[in-house]
Amino acid sequence: MKIFLDTNILVDFLTDRGAFTKHATEIFLLGTDKILLYSSTHAFATTYYILKKYSEEKELRAKLLELTELVEVIDVTKAQLKKALLSDFSDFEDALQIFNAESTGGLDYIVTRNLRDFKKSPIPAIAPDEMVEMIKRLKK
């Protein structure tokens, strides 16, 4: 299974946000050669931007660098950027994530806590807790 992680999942994984962190961490711990994790360069940049207010620069960069070992990072292209800008998605950032994920091909789900903005996504969006349960069922 191939899953794309939205920005909020990366932020949750790298911070202490209670149940949000628990589910994000479980996704990373359950990821194996059968469950491949993807995200975008944009998600990494946005995660950095959000967390730099609360983290020491060197430590944050080190965490993000370590995260690149757990996630296949997909570059955002000019074509994806244009597609997102021209789309009718109400949230530009989410549109960029959707078109970036779509360009990879073969992704099964986008994992996000923001399901509302991903309703029209060609790749089904799923909440982190649901993804954890799905992965656990697959591993049985």
Protein backbone atom coordinates (compact mmCIF):
# COMPACT_ATOMS: atom_id res chain seq x y z
CA MET A 1 0.00 0.00 0.00
CA LYS A 2 1.20 3.51 -0.84
CA ILE A 3 0.01 6.42 1.27
CA PHE A 4 0.63 10.14 0.98
CA LEU A 5 1.00 12.09 4.22
CA ASP A 6 -0.46 15.59 4.36
CA THR A 7 1.39 18.37 6.16
CA ASN A 8 -0.67 18.04 9.33
CA ILE A 9 0.50 14.43 9.74
CA LEU A 10 4.16 15.50 9.55
CA VAL A 11 3.53 18.26 12.10
CA ASP A 12 1.69 15.85 14.39
CA PHE A 13 4.51 13.32 14.18
CA LEU A 14 7.16 15.88 15.09
CA THR A 15 5.27 17.54 17.95
CA ASP A 16 3.42 16.59 21.11
CA ARG A 17 -0.23 16.97 20.15
CA GLY A 18 -1.86 14.19 22.15
CA ALA A 19 -3.98 11.78 20.14
CA PHE A 20 -2.92 13.46 16.90
CA THR A 21 0.71 12.59 17.61
CA LYS A 22 -0.24 9.07 18.70
CA HIS A 23 -1.92 8.27 15.38
CA ALA A 24 0.79 9.90 13.26
CA THR A 25 3.49 8.01 15.16
CA GLU A 26 1.65 4.72 14.73
CA ILE A 27 1.51 5.27 10.98
CA PHE A 28 5.29 5.72 10.89
CA LEU A 29 5.88 2.73 13.18
CA LEU A 30 3.57 0.48 11.17
CA GLY A 31 5.09 1.52 7.84
CA THR A 32 7.05 -1.35 6.33
CA ASP A 33 8.14 -2.53 2.93
CA LYS A 34 4.44 -3.26 2.32
CA ILE A 35 3.27 0.20 3.44
CA LEU A 36 5.20 2.95 1.67
CA LEU A 37 4.99 6.52 2.95
CA TYR A 38 5.11 9.56 0.65
CA SER A 39 4.90 13.30 1.13
CA SER A 40 5.84 16.44 -0.79
CA THR A 41 8.67 18.93 -0.69
CA HIS A 42 5.94 21.47 -0.06
CA ALA A 43 4.76 19.59 3.05
CA PHE A 44 8.30 19.55 4.40
CA ALA A 45 8.70 23.29 3.79
CA THR A 46 5.36 24.08 5.41
CA THR A 47 6.14 21.83 8.37
CA TYR A 48 9.41 23.71 8.83
CA TYR A 49 7.61 27.05 8.62
CA ILE A 50 5.01 26.01 11.23
CA LEU A 51 7.46 24.45 13.68
CA LYS A 52 10.29 27.00 13.48
CA LYS A 53 8.38 29.20 15.94
CA TYR A 54 8.51 26.46 18.56
CA SER A 55 11.76 24.64 17.84
CA GLU A 56 15.45 25.30 17.84
CA GLU A 57 16.61 25.71 14.23
CA LYS A 58 19.36 23.08 14.20
CA GLU A 59 17.20 20.50 15.99
CA LEU A 60 14.24 21.07 13.65
CA ARG A 61 16.39 20.68 10.56
CA ALA A 62 17.88 17.48 11.99
CA LYS A 63 14.39 16.06 12.64
CA LEU A 64 13.23 16.90 9.12
CA LEU A 65 16.39 15.36 7.69
CA GLU A 66 15.72 12.14 9.66
CA LEU A 67 12.14 12.19 8.40
CA THR A 68 13.39 12.04 4.81
CA GLU A 69 14.67 8.54 5.62
CA LEU A 70 11.14 7.39 6.50
CA VAL A 71 9.23 9.08 3.69
CA GLU A 72 9.67 9.19 -0.06
CA VAL A 73 9.63 12.92 -0.80
CA ILE A 74 8.04 13.99 -4.07
CA ASP A 75 9.17 17.22 -5.70
CA VAL A 76 6.47 19.76 -6.52
CA THR A 77 6.63 20.70 -10.20
CA LYS A 78 5.64 23.83 -12.08
CA ALA A 79 2.86 21.86 -13.81
CA GLN A 80 1.41 20.79 -10.44
CA LEU A 81 1.64 24.35 -9.17
CA LYS A 82 -0.24 25.67 -12.21
CA LYS A 83 -2.86 22.93 -11.93
CA ALA A 84 -3.44 23.83 -8.26
CA LEU A 85 -3.66 27.55 -9.05
CA LEU A 86 -6.22 26.92 -11.79
CA SER A 87 -8.24 24.36 -9.83
CA ASP A 88 -11.57 24.93 -8.13
CA PHE A 89 -10.31 23.53 -4.82
CA SER A 90 -11.08 26.05 -2.07
CA ASP A 91 -7.71 25.54 -0.36
CA PHE A 92 -4.68 26.13 -2.59
CA GLU A 93 -2.24 24.31 -0.29
CA ASP A 94 -4.42 21.20 -0.25
CA ALA A 95 -4.84 21.37 -4.04
CA LEU A 96 -1.06 21.41 -4.37
CA GLN A 97 -0.84 18.32 -2.15
CA ILE A 98 -3.53 16.53 -4.16
CA PHE A 99 -1.92 17.20 -7.54
CA ASN A 100 1.51 16.30 -6.19
CA ALA A 101 0.19 13.00 -4.83
CA GLU A 102 -1.75 12.30 -8.03
CA SER A 103 1.39 12.78 -10.15
CA THR A 104 3.11 9.89 -8.38
CA GLY A 105 0.61 7.32 -9.59
CA GLY A 106 -0.49 4.26 -7.67
CA LEU A 107 -1.11 5.99 -4.34
CA ASP A 108 -3.94 4.39 -2.40
CA TYR A 109 -4.76 7.10 0.14
CA ILE A 110 -3.98 10.60 1.31
CA VAL A 111 -3.80 10.67 5.10
CA THR A 112 -4.98 13.96 6.57
CA ARG A 113 -6.95 15.34 9.47
CA ASN A 114 -8.50 17.83 7.05
CA LEU A 115 -10.87 15.50 5.22
CA ARG A 116 -13.28 18.29 4.23
CA ASP A 117 -10.82 19.93 1.83
CA PHE A 118 -9.95 16.61 0.20
CA LYS A 119 -13.52 15.54 -0.70
CA LYS A 120 -12.97 16.08 -4.44
CA SER A 121 -9.54 14.45 -4.47
CA PRO A 122 -9.11 11.66 -7.04
CA ILE A 123 -7.14 9.80 -4.34
CA PRO A 124 -9.35 8.90 -1.36
CA ALA A 125 -8.55 10.85 1.81
CA ILE A 126 -8.58 9.03 5.12
CA ALA A 127 -8.18 10.15 8.73
CA PRO A 128 -5.04 9.04 10.59
CA ASP A 129 -6.92 6.87 13.11
CA GLU A 130 -8.71 5.06 10.28
CA MET A 131 -5.40 4.52 8.47
CA VAL A 132 -3.86 3.02 11.61
CA GLU A 133 -6.76 0.56 11.89
CA MET A 134 -6.52 -0.32 8.20
CA ILE A 135 -2.77 -0.99 8.44
CA LYS A 136 -3.27 -3.13 11.53
CA ARG A 137 -5.88 -5.22 9.69
CA LEU A 138 -3.52 -5.68 6.73
CA LYS A 139 -0.73 -6.88 9.01
CA LYS A 140 -2.88 -9.68 10.51
